[in-house]
Structure formats: C-alpha cells, structure tokens
Protein backbone atom coordinates (compact mmCIF):
# COMPACT_ATOMS: atom_id res chain seq x y z
CA UNK A 1 -0.68 29.27 23.53
CA UNK A 2 -2.66 31.26 26.49
CA UNK A 3 -5.46 29.67 27.85
CA UNK A 4 -7.36 32.45 26.90
CA UNK A 5 -6.84 31.79 23.44
CA UNK A 6 -7.40 28.50 23.89
CA UNK A 7 -9.74 26.49 21.59
CA UNK A 8 -12.52 24.29 23.40
CA UNK A 9 -11.70 20.54 23.57
CA UNK A 10 -13.71 18.62 21.44
CA UNK A 11 -14.14 14.90 22.40
CA UNK A 12 -13.01 14.18 18.49
CA UNK A 13 -11.38 15.98 15.66
CA UNK A 14 -11.19 14.37 12.57
CA UNK A 15 -8.45 15.03 9.92
CA UNK A 16 -9.83 14.87 6.49
CA UNK A 17 -13.62 15.07 5.26
CA UNK A 18 -13.65 11.92 2.74
CA UNK A 19 -16.80 9.83 3.23
CA UNK A 20 -15.40 8.02 6.11
CA UNK A 21 -14.86 10.74 7.95
CA UNK A 22 -18.69 11.79 7.60
CA UNK A 23 -19.52 8.61 8.59
CA UNK A 24 -17.66 8.49 11.70
CA UNK A 25 -18.96 12.13 12.52
CA UNK A 26 -22.22 11.24 12.45
CA UNK A 27 -22.08 8.07 14.46
CA UNK A 28 -19.78 10.14 17.44
CA UNK A 29 -22.42 13.28 17.26
CA UNK A 30 -25.42 10.96 17.49
CA UNK A 31 -23.95 9.76 20.63
CA UNK A 32 -23.57 13.27 22.14
CA UNK A 33 -20.16 13.58 21.68
CA UNK A 34 -18.62 16.85 20.28
CA UNK A 35 -17.03 16.35 16.70
CA UNK A 36 -15.44 18.71 14.28
CA UNK A 37 -14.12 17.69 10.79
CA UNK A 38 -10.98 19.27 9.32
CA UNK A 39 -11.08 19.13 5.42
CA UNK A 40 -8.31 21.26 3.25
CA UNK A 41 -10.38 21.63 0.34
CA UNK A 42 -13.47 24.05 -0.21
CA UNK A 43 -15.89 20.69 -0.07
CA UNK A 44 -16.36 17.61 2.06
CA UNK A 45 -16.30 14.09 0.31
CA UNK A 46 -13.37 13.05 -1.00
CA UNK A 47 -13.19 10.65 -3.77
CA UNK A 48 -17.28 10.20 -3.34
CA UNK A 49 -18.05 13.68 -4.85
CA UNK A 50 -19.92 14.58 -8.37
CA UNK A 51 -18.96 17.68 -10.68
CA UNK A 52 -19.46 18.78 -13.65
CA UNK A 53 -16.22 18.53 -15.60
CA UNK A 54 -17.09 21.15 -18.64
CA UNK A 55 -18.59 24.28 -18.92
CA UNK A 56 -22.21 24.49 -20.00
CA UNK A 57 -22.74 20.95 -19.91
CA UNK A 58 -25.36 19.77 -17.53
CA UNK A 59 -23.66 16.46 -16.67
CA UNK A 60 -22.54 15.67 -12.97
CA UNK A 61 -20.23 12.75 -13.19
CA UNK A 62 -19.03 10.56 -9.98
CA UNK A 63 -15.49 12.00 -10.95
CA UNK A 64 -13.60 9.68 -8.61
CA UNK A 65 -15.36 6.52 -7.11
CA UNK A 66 -18.33 5.44 -8.82
CA UNK A 67 -20.28 2.48 -7.77
CA UNK A 68 -21.23 1.17 -4.05
CA UNK A 69 -20.95 -2.44 -2.88
CA UNK A 70 -19.45 -2.29 0.55
CA UNK A 71 -21.73 -0.08 2.15
CA UNK A 72 -23.58 -2.05 4.87
CA UNK A 73 -27.55 -1.12 5.07
CA UNK A 74 -26.67 -0.66 8.55
CA UNK A 75 -24.58 2.38 8.38
CA UNK A 76 -27.64 3.83 6.05
CA UNK A 77 -30.52 3.15 8.33
CA UNK A 78 -28.15 4.45 11.94
CA UNK A 79 -27.50 7.42 9.99
CA UNK A 80 -30.95 7.96 8.38
CA UNK A 81 -29.45 8.47 4.98
CA UNK A 82 -31.51 8.92 1.89
CA UNK A 83 -29.50 6.94 -0.45
CA UNK A 84 -30.78 5.01 -3.00
CA UNK A 85 -28.89 2.01 -4.85
CA UNK A 86 -29.87 0.78 -7.86
CA UNK A 87 -29.02 -3.19 -9.00
CA UNK A 88 -27.52 -3.50 -12.50
CA UNK A 89 -29.12 -6.33 -14.83
CA UNK A 90 -26.05 -7.11 -16.73
CA UNK A 91 -23.03 -8.12 -14.87
CA UNK A 92 -20.81 -7.73 -17.82
CA UNK A 93 -19.77 -7.81 -21.44
CA UNK A 94 -16.40 -8.94 -22.51
CA UNK A 95 -15.60 -8.96 -26.65
CA UNK A 96 -13.40 -11.55 -27.55
CA UNK A 97 -10.36 -9.61 -28.38
CA UNK A 98 -9.46 -12.10 -30.91
CA UNK A 99 -12.88 -11.57 -32.93
CA UNK A 100 -14.41 -8.55 -31.60
CA UNK A 101 -17.74 -9.87 -33.38
CA UNK A 102 -18.78 -12.27 -30.84
CA UNK A 103 -18.39 -11.38 -26.56
CA UNK A 104 -19.50 -12.86 -23.39
CA UNK A 105 -22.44 -11.19 -22.02
CA UNK A 106 -23.43 -12.10 -18.05
CA UNK A 107 -26.60 -11.45 -17.84
CA UNK A 108 -28.22 -12.07 -14.41
CA UNK A 109 -31.86 -12.54 -15.30
CA UNK A 110 -31.43 -14.75 -18.11
CA UNK A 111 -29.08 -18.02 -17.40
CA UNK A 112 -29.55 -19.51 -20.86
CA UNK A 113 -28.64 -16.39 -22.67
CA UNK A 114 -25.13 -16.06 -20.47
CA UNK A 115 -24.79 -19.78 -21.37
CA UNK A 116 -25.61 -18.94 -25.36
CA UNK A 117 -22.90 -16.17 -25.10
CA UNK A 118 -20.04 -18.44 -23.87
CA UNK A 119 -20.74 -20.95 -26.20
CA UNK A 120 -20.40 -18.25 -28.92
CA UNK A 121 -16.97 -17.56 -27.71
CA UNK A 122 -15.66 -21.07 -26.20
CA UNK A 123 -17.78 -23.38 -28.45
CA UNK A 124 -20.03 -25.06 -25.91
CA UNK A 125 -21.99 -23.76 -22.86
CA UNK A 126 -19.10 -25.91 -20.55
CA UNK A 127 -17.46 -22.76 -19.59
CA UNK A 128 -20.33 -21.03 -18.92
CA UNK A 129 -21.66 -23.67 -16.40
CA UNK A 130 -18.11 -23.85 -14.72
CA UNK A 131 -18.49 -19.73 -14.58
CA UNK A 132 -21.58 -20.39 -12.63
CA UNK A 133 -19.89 -23.16 -10.42
CA UNK A 134 -17.08 -20.68 -9.56
CA UNK A 135 -19.26 -17.94 -8.26
CA UNK A 136 -21.26 -20.26 -6.36
CA UNK A 137 -18.14 -21.62 -4.96
CA UNK A 138 -16.94 -18.42 -3.42
CA UNK A 139 -20.54 -16.96 -2.57
CA UNK A 140 -20.28 -18.49 1.28
CA UNK A 141 -17.19 -16.13 1.94
CA UNK A 142 -19.30 -13.17 1.42
CA UNK A 143 -22.39 -14.41 3.61
CA UNK A 144 -19.89 -15.12 6.08
CA UNK A 145 -17.46 -12.27 5.96
CA UNK A 146 -19.87 -9.25 5.06
CA UNK A 147 -21.80 -9.04 8.09
CA UNK A 148 -18.85 -9.22 10.64
CA UNK A 149 -17.26 -6.21 8.81
CA UNK A 150 -19.09 -3.92 11.12
CA UNK A 151 -18.32 -5.96 14.25
CA UNK A 152 -14.80 -6.06 16.13
CA UNK A 153 -11.97 -8.14 14.20
CA UNK A 154 -12.44 -11.75 14.16
CA UNK A 155 -9.27 -14.37 14.30
CA UNK A 156 -8.80 -15.81 11.03
CA UNK A 157 -8.80 -19.33 12.92
CA UNK A 158 -12.28 -18.62 13.57
CA UNK A 159 -13.25 -17.33 10.50
CA UNK A 160 -11.55 -20.35 8.40
CA UNK A 161 -13.42 -22.60 10.89
CA UNK A 162 -16.81 -20.86 10.59
CA UNK A 163 -16.44 -21.15 6.42
CA UNK A 164 -15.74 -24.93 6.90
CA UNK A 165 -14.12 -25.13 3.52
CA UNK A 166 -10.29 -25.54 4.24
CA UNK A 167 -9.44 -25.88 0.17
CA UNK A 168 -11.06 -22.74 -0.72
CA UNK A 169 -9.52 -20.95 2.55
CA UNK A 170 -6.09 -22.33 1.04
CA UNK A 171 -6.94 -21.26 -2.63
CA UNK A 172 -8.35 -17.36 -1.50
CA UNK A 173 -6.00 -16.44 1.34
CA UNK A 174 -3.08 -19.04 1.45
CA UNK A 175 -1.65 -19.50 -2.44
CA UNK A 176 -1.88 -16.93 -5.48
CA UNK A 177 -5.59 -16.30 -7.36
CA UNK A 178 -4.42 -17.64 -10.28
CA UNK A 179 -4.11 -21.25 -9.09
CA UNK A 180 -7.88 -20.88 -8.09
CA UNK A 181 -8.82 -19.27 -11.49
CA UNK A 182 -7.11 -21.73 -13.42
CA UNK A 183 -8.43 -25.16 -11.78
CA UNK A 184 -11.88 -23.41 -12.20
CA UNK A 185 -12.01 -21.82 -15.45
CA UNK A 186 -10.91 -23.47 -18.70
CA UNK A 187 -10.91 -20.55 -21.08
CA UNK A 188 -8.20 -17.17 -21.00
CA UNK A 189 -11.25 -14.83 -20.96
CA UNK A 190 -13.50 -16.10 -18.43
CA UNK A 191 -10.41 -16.06 -16.35
CA UNK A 192 -9.66 -12.59 -17.66
CA UNK A 193 -13.05 -11.53 -16.31
CA UNK A 194 -12.55 -12.89 -12.59
CA UNK A 195 -9.02 -11.73 -12.13
CA UNK A 196 -10.11 -7.98 -12.61
CA UNK A 197 -12.01 -8.25 -9.57
CA UNK A 198 -8.36 -8.77 -7.61
CA UNK A 199 -6.72 -5.37 -9.58
CA UNK A 200 -8.57 -2.71 -9.26
CA UNK A 201 -6.07 -0.01 -8.31
CA UNK A 202 -3.42 -2.93 -7.62
CA UNK A 203 -0.37 -3.41 -9.54
CA UNK A 204 0.03 -7.51 -9.91
CA UNK A 205 -0.26 -10.47 -11.48
CA UNK A 206 -2.78 -13.48 -11.17
CA UNK A 207 0.66 -15.59 -9.70
CA UNK A 208 1.80 -12.89 -7.49
CA UNK A 209 3.09 -13.88 -4.17
CA UNK A 210 2.38 -11.06 -2.44
CA UNK A 211 -1.35 -12.09 -2.48
CA UNK A 212 -1.99 -8.53 -2.91
CA UNK A 213 -4.48 -9.40 -5.99
CA UNK A 214 -6.15 -12.10 -3.54
CA UNK A 215 -6.93 -9.49 -0.97
CA UNK A 216 -8.49 -6.82 -3.28
CA UNK A 217 -10.45 -9.81 -4.94
CA UNK A 218 -11.87 -10.42 -1.99
CA UNK A 219 -13.21 -7.07 -0.87
CA UNK A 220 -14.58 -7.15 -4.57
CA UNK A 221 -16.45 -10.22 -4.19
CA UNK A 222 -18.15 -9.70 -0.74
CA UNK A 223 -20.03 -6.47 -0.86
CA UNK A 224 -23.70 -7.10 0.33
CA UNK A 225 -22.81 -10.49 1.31
CA UNK A 226 -23.28 -11.35 -2.39
CA UNK A 227 -20.40 -8.99 -4.40
CA UNK A 228 -23.06 -7.10 -6.51
CA UNK A 229 -21.61 -3.40 -7.22
CA UNK A 230 -24.53 -1.09 -7.45
CA UNK A 231 -25.28 2.39 -8.96
CA UNK A 232 -26.05 5.35 -6.69
CA UNK A 233 -28.79 7.53 -7.69
CA UNK A 234 -27.87 10.94 -8.68
CA UNK A 235 -24.07 10.12 -8.46
CA UNK A 236 -21.64 9.60 -5.46
CA UNK A 237 -22.08 13.32 -4.65
CA UNK A 238 -25.38 12.27 -3.43
CA UNK A 239 -24.02 10.01 -1.00
CA UNK A 240 -21.62 12.68 0.31
CA UNK A 241 -24.58 14.95 0.79
CA UNK A 242 -26.76 12.76 2.94
CA UNK A 243 -23.36 11.59 5.10
CA UNK A 244 -22.64 15.58 5.31
CA UNK A 245 -26.36 16.59 6.24
CA UNK A 246 -26.63 13.57 8.90
CA UNK A 247 -23.71 14.68 10.87
CA UNK A 248 -24.64 18.32 10.68
CA UNK A 249 -27.95 17.39 11.50
CA UNK A 250 -26.57 15.59 14.60
CA UNK A 251 -24.35 18.48 15.71
CA UNK A 252 -21.00 17.88 14.10
CA UNK A 253 -19.09 20.52 12.91
CA UNK A 254 -17.63 20.48 9.37
CA UNK A 255 -14.70 22.77 8.30
CA UNK A 256 -13.67 23.21 5.11
CA UNK A 257 -10.64 25.42 3.89
CA UNK A 258 -9.01 23.81 7.24
CA UNK A 259 -5.99 22.05 6.00
CA UNK A 260 -3.80 20.03 9.14
CA UNK A 261 -0.27 20.86 9.04
CA UNK A 262 0.59 18.99 12.28
CA UNK A 263 -0.84 16.47 14.54
CA UNK A 264 0.50 16.09 18.16
CA UNK A 265 -0.40 12.48 19.62
CA UNK A 266 -1.61 14.31 22.15
CA UNK A 267 -4.62 15.75 20.29
CA UNK A 268 -3.36 19.22 19.66
CA UNK A 269 -3.67 19.83 15.57
CA UNK A 270 -1.98 22.53 14.16
CA UNK A 271 -4.43 24.35 11.35
CA UNK A 272 -2.92 26.27 8.61
CA UNK A 273 -2.20 29.64 9.26
CA UNK A 274 -1.20 28.74 13.01
CA UNK A 275 -5.19 28.03 14.32
CA UNK A 276 -5.26 24.89 17.37
CA UNK A 277 -7.58 22.60 17.68
CA UNK A 278 -7.47 20.19 20.40
CA UNK A 279 -9.33 17.29 21.08
CA UNK A 280 -9.39 14.16 23.34
CA UNK A 281 -9.06 11.67 20.92
CA UNK A 282 -8.19 12.24 16.69
CA UNK A 283 -9.30 10.03 13.98
CA UNK A 284 -7.40 10.11 10.67
CA UNK A 285 -9.38 10.01 7.51
CA UNK A 286 -5.88 10.94 5.72
CA UNK A 287 -3.77 8.06 4.45
CA UNK A 288 -1.41 6.29 6.88
CA UNK A 289 1.47 7.96 5.13
CA UNK A 290 0.12 11.28 5.07
CA UNK A 291 -0.98 11.14 8.94
CA UNK A 292 3.05 10.04 9.59
CA UNK A 293 4.26 13.27 7.82
CA UNK A 294 1.57 15.24 10.17
CA UNK A 295 2.82 13.59 12.94
CA UNK A 296 6.56 14.14 12.21
CA UNK A 297 5.54 17.96 11.58
CA UNK A 298 4.64 17.98 15.41
CA UNK A 299 7.59 16.41 16.46
CA UNK A 300 6.68 13.00 17.28
CA UNK A 301 8.66 9.89 16.45
CA UNK A 302 7.20 7.43 14.08
CA UNK A 303 8.15 4.26 13.49
CA UNK A 304 8.93 3.26 9.94
CA UNK A 305 5.56 1.81 8.11
CA UNK A 306 6.04 -1.61 7.28
CA UNK A 307 5.78 -2.98 3.82
CA UNK A 308 5.79 -0.84 0.13
CA UNK A 309 4.89 2.63 -0.10
CA UNK A 310 1.40 3.44 -1.30
CA UNK A 311 1.31 3.03 -5.04
CA UNK A 312 -2.44 3.24 -6.84
CA UNK A 313 -2.23 1.21 -10.52
CA UNK A 314 -5.18 2.89 -12.32
CA UNK A 315 -6.28 5.44 -15.01
CA UNK A 316 -10.12 7.10 -14.80
CA UNK A 317 -11.13 8.46 -17.58
CA UNK A 318 -14.64 9.92 -17.79
CA UNK A 319 -16.95 10.76 -20.64
CA UNK A 320 -20.29 12.41 -22.22
CA UNK A 321 -20.83 10.62 -25.38
CA UNK A 322 -23.63 12.31 -28.02
CA UNK A 323 -24.46 8.44 -28.00
CA UNK A 324 -23.31 4.68 -27.20
CA UNK A 325 -20.77 3.41 -29.76
CA UNK A 326 -21.94 0.81 -32.21
CA UNK A 327 -20.18 -2.76 -31.29
CA UNK A 328 -18.54 -5.17 -33.73
CA UNK A 329 -20.62 -7.89 -32.24
CA UNK A 330 -24.15 -7.69 -33.93
CA UNK A 331 -25.81 -10.31 -31.14
CA UNK A 332 -25.16 -7.76 -28.33
CA UNK A 333 -27.09 -4.07 -27.99
CA UNK A 334 -24.73 -1.29 -26.69
CA UNK A 335 -27.33 -0.61 -24.04
CA UNK A 336 -26.91 -4.14 -22.81
CA UNK A 337 -23.29 -4.36 -23.02
CA UNK A 338 -22.69 -0.82 -21.50
CA UNK A 339 -24.65 -1.15 -18.77
CA UNK A 340 -22.65 -3.52 -16.67
CA UNK A 341 -18.90 -3.69 -16.74
CA UNK A 342 -17.56 -3.75 -20.30
CA UNK A 343 -14.19 -5.56 -19.93
CA UNK A 344 -11.90 -4.54 -23.11
CA UNK A 345 -8.28 -6.93 -23.38
CA UNK A 346 -8.89 -8.35 -20.05
CA UNK A 347 -8.16 -11.87 -20.66
CA UNK A 348 -5.65 -13.44 -18.01
CA UNK A 349 -2.90 -13.47 -20.60
CA UNK A 350 -3.67 -10.10 -21.61
CA UNK A 351 -3.75 -8.88 -17.75
CA UNK A 352 -0.37 -10.35 -16.88
CA UNK A 353 1.28 -9.19 -20.24
CA UNK A 354 0.35 -5.75 -19.54
CA UNK A 355 2.09 -5.94 -15.92
CA UNK A 356 4.93 -7.13 -17.29
CA UNK A 357 5.21 -4.51 -19.74
CA UNK A 358 4.33 -1.73 -16.95
CA UNK A 359 7.04 -3.62 -14.97
CA UNK A 360 9.75 -2.82 -17.35
CA UNK A 361 8.67 0.89 -17.12
CA UNK A 362 6.06 0.85 -20.58
CA UNK A 363 2.60 1.89 -20.93
CA UNK A 364 0.47 -1.48 -21.71
CA UNK A 365 -0.64 -1.61 -25.56
CA UNK A 366 -3.26 -2.85 -25.49
CA UNK A 367 -4.21 -1.12 -21.99
CA UNK A 368 -6.94 -3.19 -20.19
CA UNK A 369 -9.76 -1.52 -19.15
CA UNK A 370 -13.25 -1.84 -18.13
CA UNK A 371 -16.25 0.38 -19.32
CA UNK A 372 -19.25 1.53 -17.04
CA UNK A 373 -22.46 3.71 -18.15
CA UNK A 374 -23.90 4.87 -15.04
CA UNK A 375 -26.48 6.99 -17.41
CA UNK A 376 -28.26 3.80 -18.49
CA UNK A 377 -29.22 2.49 -14.94
CA UNK A 378 -29.78 6.36 -13.47
CA UNK A 379 -30.46 8.77 -16.25
CA UNK A 380 -30.62 11.59 -13.24
CA UNK A 381 -27.23 12.37 -13.25
CA UNK A 382 -27.84 14.41 -16.93
CA UNK A 383 -29.82 17.41 -17.52
CA UNK A 384 -33.47 16.82 -19.37
CA UNK A 385 -32.14 18.18 -22.61
CA UNK A 386 -29.20 15.83 -22.88
CA UNK A 387 -31.24 12.89 -21.81
CA UNK A 388 -33.77 13.72 -24.66
CA UNK A 389 -30.83 14.00 -27.42
CA UNK A 390 -29.75 10.03 -26.35
CA UNK A 391 -26.16 10.98 -24.53
CA UNK A 392 -24.70 8.91 -21.85
CA UNK A 393 -21.83 9.03 -19.85
CA UNK A 394 -19.14 6.67 -20.06
CA UNK A 395 -16.38 6.06 -17.44
CA UNK A 396 -13.04 3.84 -18.06
CA UNK A 397 -11.24 2.55 -15.66
CA UNK A 398 -7.79 1.26 -16.78
CA UNK A 399 -5.47 -1.27 -15.24
CA UNK A 400 -2.19 -2.10 -14.91
CA UNK A 401 -0.82 1.39 -14.53
CA UNK A 402 1.22 1.74 -11.73
CA UNK A 403 1.86 5.41 -10.50
CA UNK A 404 5.76 4.53 -11.05
CA UNK A 405 5.21 5.04 -14.66
CA UNK A 406 4.59 9.00 -14.28
CA UNK A 407 7.29 9.40 -11.81
CA UNK A 408 10.04 11.56 -13.11
CA UNK A 409 7.57 12.32 -16.64
CA UNK A 410 5.66 15.27 -17.23
CA UNK A 411 2.40 15.18 -16.12
CA UNK A 412 0.25 16.67 -19.02
CA UNK A 413 2.43 14.09 -21.42
CA UNK A 414 1.86 11.15 -18.95
CA UNK A 415 -1.75 12.12 -19.01
CA UNK A 416 -1.99 12.16 -23.00
CA UNK A 417 0.07 8.94 -23.76
CA UNK A 418 -2.34 7.06 -20.96
CA UNK A 419 -5.75 8.34 -22.47
CA UNK A 420 -4.21 7.70 -26.03
CA UNK A 421 -3.21 3.66 -25.05
CA UNK A 422 -7.01 3.84 -23.79
CA UNK A 423 -8.52 5.24 -26.62
CA UNK A 424 -6.67 2.63 -28.84
CA UNK A 425 -7.77 -0.33 -26.60
CA UNK A 426 -11.43 0.80 -26.46
CA UNK A 427 -11.55 1.60 -29.96
CA UNK A 428 -10.02 -2.23 -31.05
CA UNK A 429 -13.62 -3.66 -29.96
CA UNK A 430 -15.62 -1.22 -30.84
CA UNK A 431 -17.43 -0.53 -34.72
CA UNK A 432 -16.47 2.92 -34.42
CA UNK A 433 -14.20 5.38 -32.94
CA UNK A 434 -15.04 6.36 -29.89
CA UNK A 435 -13.90 10.13 -30.26
CA UNK A 436 -16.52 9.94 -33.12
CA UNK A 437 -19.22 9.73 -30.47
CA UNK A 438 -17.96 12.17 -27.96
CA UNK A 439 -19.90 15.07 -26.95
CA UNK A 440 -18.68 18.48 -27.44
CA UNK A 441 -18.83 21.07 -25.18
CA UNK A 442 -20.25 24.82 -26.28
CA UNK A 443 -16.63 26.39 -26.01
CA UNK A 444 -15.72 23.46 -28.34
CA UNK A 445 -14.26 21.16 -25.93
CA UNK A 446 -14.42 17.52 -26.26
CA UNK A 447 -16.13 16.00 -23.43
CA UNK A 448 -12.74 13.83 -22.07
CA UNK A 449 -10.92 14.08 -19.33
CA UNK A 450 -8.39 11.41 -17.87
CA UNK A 451 -7.17 11.22 -14.00
CA UNK A 452 -4.27 9.58 -13.29
CA UNK A 453 -2.58 8.86 -10.09
CA UNK A 454 -0.44 11.78 -9.95
CA UNK A 455 -3.91 13.96 -10.40
CA UNK A 456 -5.13 11.91 -7.53
CA UNK A 457 -2.21 12.98 -5.33
CA UNK A 458 -2.23 16.04 -6.35
CA UNK A 459 -5.72 17.41 -6.20
CA UNK A 460 -6.75 14.58 -2.87
CA UNK A 461 -3.86 14.07 -1.42
CA UNK A 462 -3.71 10.32 -1.78
CA UNK A 463 0.15 9.26 -1.73
CA UNK A 464 1.05 7.38 -4.98
CA UNK A 465 -2.86 7.78 -6.22
CA UNK A 466 -3.42 4.72 -4.08
CA UNK A 467 -7.31 4.75 -3.71
CA UNK A 468 -6.70 2.21 -0.71
CA UNK A 469 -4.29 4.50 0.74
CA UNK A 470 -2.23 1.57 1.43
CA UNK A 471 -1.93 -2.38 0.64
CA UNK A 472 -4.90 -3.93 1.48
CA UNK A 473 -5.05 -5.97 4.76
CA UNK A 474 -7.65 -9.39 5.37
CA UNK A 475 -10.63 -8.22 6.64
CA UNK A 476 -9.51 -10.45 10.07
CA UNK A 477 -6.85 -10.45 12.70
CA UNK A 478 -3.98 -13.04 12.76
CA UNK A 479 -4.14 -15.77 15.39
CA UNK A 480 -1.43 -14.15 17.29
CA UNK A 481 -2.32 -10.61 16.65
CA UNK A 482 -2.62 -7.98 19.68
CA UNK A 483 -6.56 -7.43 20.15
CA UNK A 484 -5.75 -5.80 23.64
CA UNK A 485 -7.31 -2.22 23.30
CA UNK A 486 -10.89 -0.73 21.31
CA UNK A 487 -8.20 0.32 18.45
CA UNK A 488 -6.72 -2.96 17.90
CA UNK A 489 -10.09 -4.83 18.37
CA UNK A 490 -11.67 -2.26 15.27
CA UNK A 491 -8.74 -2.54 13.17
CA UNK A 492 -8.21 1.47 13.31
CA UNK A 493 -5.46 1.32 16.00
CA UNK A 494 -1.99 3.31 15.43
CA UNK A 495 1.19 3.40 17.47
CA UNK A 496 -0.18 6.40 19.34
CA UNK A 497 -3.22 5.25 21.78
CA UNK A 498 -5.34 8.99 20.98
CA UNK A 499 -4.96 8.85 17.48
CA UNK A 500 -7.09 6.22 15.31
CA UNK A 501 -7.10 5.57 11.52
CA UNK A 502 -10.67 6.14 10.04
CA UNK A 503 -10.19 6.11 6.55
CA UNK A 504 -9.46 3.60 3.66
CA UNK A 505 -6.17 3.09 5.39
CA UNK A 506 -7.76 1.02 8.52
CA UNK A 507 -8.37 -2.46 8.58
CA UNK A 508 -11.41 -3.42 6.14
CA UNK A 509 -11.80 0.61 5.54
CA UNK A 510 -11.44 0.59 1.23
CA UNK A 511 -13.73 1.43 -0.92
CA UNK A 512 -17.07 3.79 -0.61
CA UNK A 513 -18.00 1.83 2.15
CA UNK A 514 -18.36 3.72 5.51
CA UNK A 515 -16.80 1.13 7.18
CA UNK A 516 -13.27 2.69 8.43
CA UNK A 517 -15.43 5.32 9.69
CA UNK A 518 -18.09 2.85 11.10
CA UNK A 519 -15.12 1.07 13.06
CA UNK A 520 -13.01 4.14 14.41
CA UNK A 521 -16.20 5.34 15.84
CA UNK A 522 -17.29 2.46 17.71
CA UNK A 523 -13.39 2.03 18.96
CA UNK A 524 -13.48 5.74 20.13
CA UNK A 525 -16.80 5.42 21.84
CA UNK A 526 -15.27 2.95 23.85
CA UNK A 527 -12.47 4.91 24.35
CA UNK A 528 -14.39 8.23 25.49
CA UNK A 529 -16.56 6.28 28.29
CA UNK A 530 -12.98 4.69 30.19
C-alpha cells in the first residue's frame, strides 16, 4: 500500500466489539492511548445486548447473556459506569421431578423456610443443613480468588497455600466434582442443584475426568467473592451502552460494519472491502479459533490449537408471558419460584442421563433446564402497558445439548425439536401448559424464540456456539508455566507477541465479567511503554 494511503498507526486495534473489547478500549483510551474497535455487526456488545424480538411488543430482552456475577466493582468504578445490579432474594426453586407438588425453595432471607422446604421433599431438615454447610465450605474459595481476577496470574502452589485447605483443593481441582457433591450432600435433588453450576454451556458429567465441570463450577461460585448472580437493571443492553459510552468519552473509536478478514502478526489488519488498519498491538475479542483463521488468512503460520474444538452445550429460549404459570406446588408462589433459578429436571442422575442421551446422538428427554424471570426483579425492561397487564419475561437455559447434536441437521428442524423438548420438560412440573401463558404479538406470533448453538455461531461468530470461546482454564498459572512477558502474566498471550487475547477465550475471560478486557488492557499498557 502506498505510504500516502496508509492509515494512521493506532496504539491498539481491537478485533470484535463485545463487552470485553469495550472494557479494554475504555481502559486504554483513558490511559491516553489511541484505540480503534472493529466490529462486523451494525452494533457493539456481542452477546451482551438487549433486543425487541417481536414486532409491536415493548419488551427489551437480554437475548443472549442475561445475569452478571464476575464483573468486579473496580471495573465499574474505574470506567465510571452507570450500571445498577440487583440482588435476587430467592436463590432457586427446584420441583421434585418425582412429585412436582413439592419442591425445594432456597430463600436467602429465611433459613427456616428453606429448611422446611427441604424437609417437604427429603423428609427432614438435615439436607438443608448439609446444603448450607456445603455452601459455607466452598465460600473461602470465592473470597480468595475473586480479588485476584484483576491481578497478574498467581501460581497454583501459592493459591493452594493461601486457601489452606488441601482436602478442598483436591476435591475441587484434582478430582471430579461428583465426588465432592456425593460426600457433601445425600439427595439426588440437592446434588443436582449444586452440579448445574458446573454445566452452564459445558457438556460433561459429574464424574468427567477432564474436570471441565469443576472449572465451570469454580467460575460460577466465586463471582463477587460470594457466587451471587445479579440482575442488570434495564437488561444486558444497558451494560453495553454504558461500556460504549465510557470508551467513546475516553476517546476510543468504535467502528461497526467493519468485519476483519485477515490479521497479520505485525499489526496490519484487513477489513472487508480491502481497507487496512495498522496498530502497534492487536487485541482479539473474537474466540481463539476465529483468531487462528484470521491469522491464516494473512499468511501467518499458526500452531494447531491444543485440546478439543470449541463446543457449546446450551439452548436459550426467550419468552414473554401474559402471566406467570401456575405451579403444582401450592406452598410456593410463582413470584417466588421464578424470581431465582427455577431448576427443571436437574437432579444429578437426570443430568448425567441427559449427557448419556446426547452423547449417543439423541435430544435429552426430559431436557434439563433452568428458568429465570428478569421482570420480577427488574420490571423496567417492559413497557408500561405490559407491566400493568401482568406480563412477564421468562428465560429458559437448557443443558446437555452439545453443538454436535445440530451438525448435519436442518437448523430450523433442530431448533424446533429442541424447543419442543424444552417445553415438554417445563410442562412436566407446571400445573398448566406454558403455551397457555405465552403472550401473542399483534401480528399473531407467539412470543417465544429459541437460540441454539448454531444460531450463536451464525449470528455472533462463536465457533460451535461456545459461550466461553473454548474450554475454560483454571484462574491461576501452572507452577511450571512461563510468566516472563506481560501477556503471559496477565493470561492473554498468543504465540505472537503483538497479538493478545481480550475476549472470553482469555484466561479468566468467561461470562459478562470484563475480565478479559481489563487484563488485556493491563498487559498492553505494560508493553506500550517498552
């Protein structure tokens, strides 16, 4: 390219405009660095967006990501974000699959009510005590690890020493999670409630030797140092809107409709249409598998990625209801049951059986799922007329549905089959069919949409529909792992010194946390002063 036509050299170019990219852009621009974000869609935010799925219906749903736990307060304060998060009183409700007229309601404000609920299902309050003891036993892990997530990686030996509980370390880090659950809890239903935190977007059993369920479980119980999952007021789109504002106010340039098609390790980026962008450093907000493809398109030799290919294992169903459905359990109000995580057919044995069915190529039946009603905690996502009518949103997150189930199948037929399985599973624990409660849009469309792993791959470019961009890593460094460079110390290294990870594929980068963006920005700032 002639020098006269060459674009300015930015300090940092960021490929992809997800929430992590926006966090990185905000930090770098506030530090006085020139930053450009390149996003292929017509909007930024990636999976952290709110949309109106149904024409003529004033409901803004968090279409993909929907709860916040791992976003540190320090990032919110550093970037001056006007984000409000609300804590949910009810942790979960779990109908007994064998008898849905009874269920376990975990009420964080009423231990006696929680114990009575356990007794209704298990015959005594002893399991409630064991459940509380289990939560208390793993609590130190969150208190220890969460503050370290915005610091350079620590060595495993140092983390283990600071935890001061070798037995717990072994149970969480060295042996399959199922062992810890069985030794801590006596009932299938309580073990299942705990295990679900290890299976979000993760295809595994309780006893999987890969320990992928252990790593997923760990990230889900350390958020905020407590493991609480909070509701973003206004929906996930408000989180992205604040991150975008903060980045732009600091001087970052956000370009939409700018699809990167090739990336050279020296920082030359080719955008669809032939335009070039040059930067001293490139941060990759796209998954490692996509990054490998972009580097190859620029002629860069890239070693084969270690481990399995990215594979998501979830189904997301968004619904708008005329009203909340009636439960078979007369002791629990729907407003309490749906305010937290509503577990559907998620005992430990059901979760493992669903895995076996999916592994053999079938759709689990019953399909394990968890339900959540955003509008009970935050009604602002609904217009005034919908709120006054008693309408509510409902989000269903199906487990044990790996992307391989959709490969080679017609995507529409596969989506319909998964949605049917999810509705059958939910109907099994309700006193009325969920279809009888669904809101109907002015054009006659039922307000239900399903998003499969194939939909995520097609719409957001997430290979295999993997919400973590690949297998999760432990949030520390191995004792023999090299930590010689800023990128290595912050967990954002690639084989190319001028290319860093800043998305969910970075060490500690998963979920709506901003951690991948923060840590990449910290590494970049160290590199840029050299």
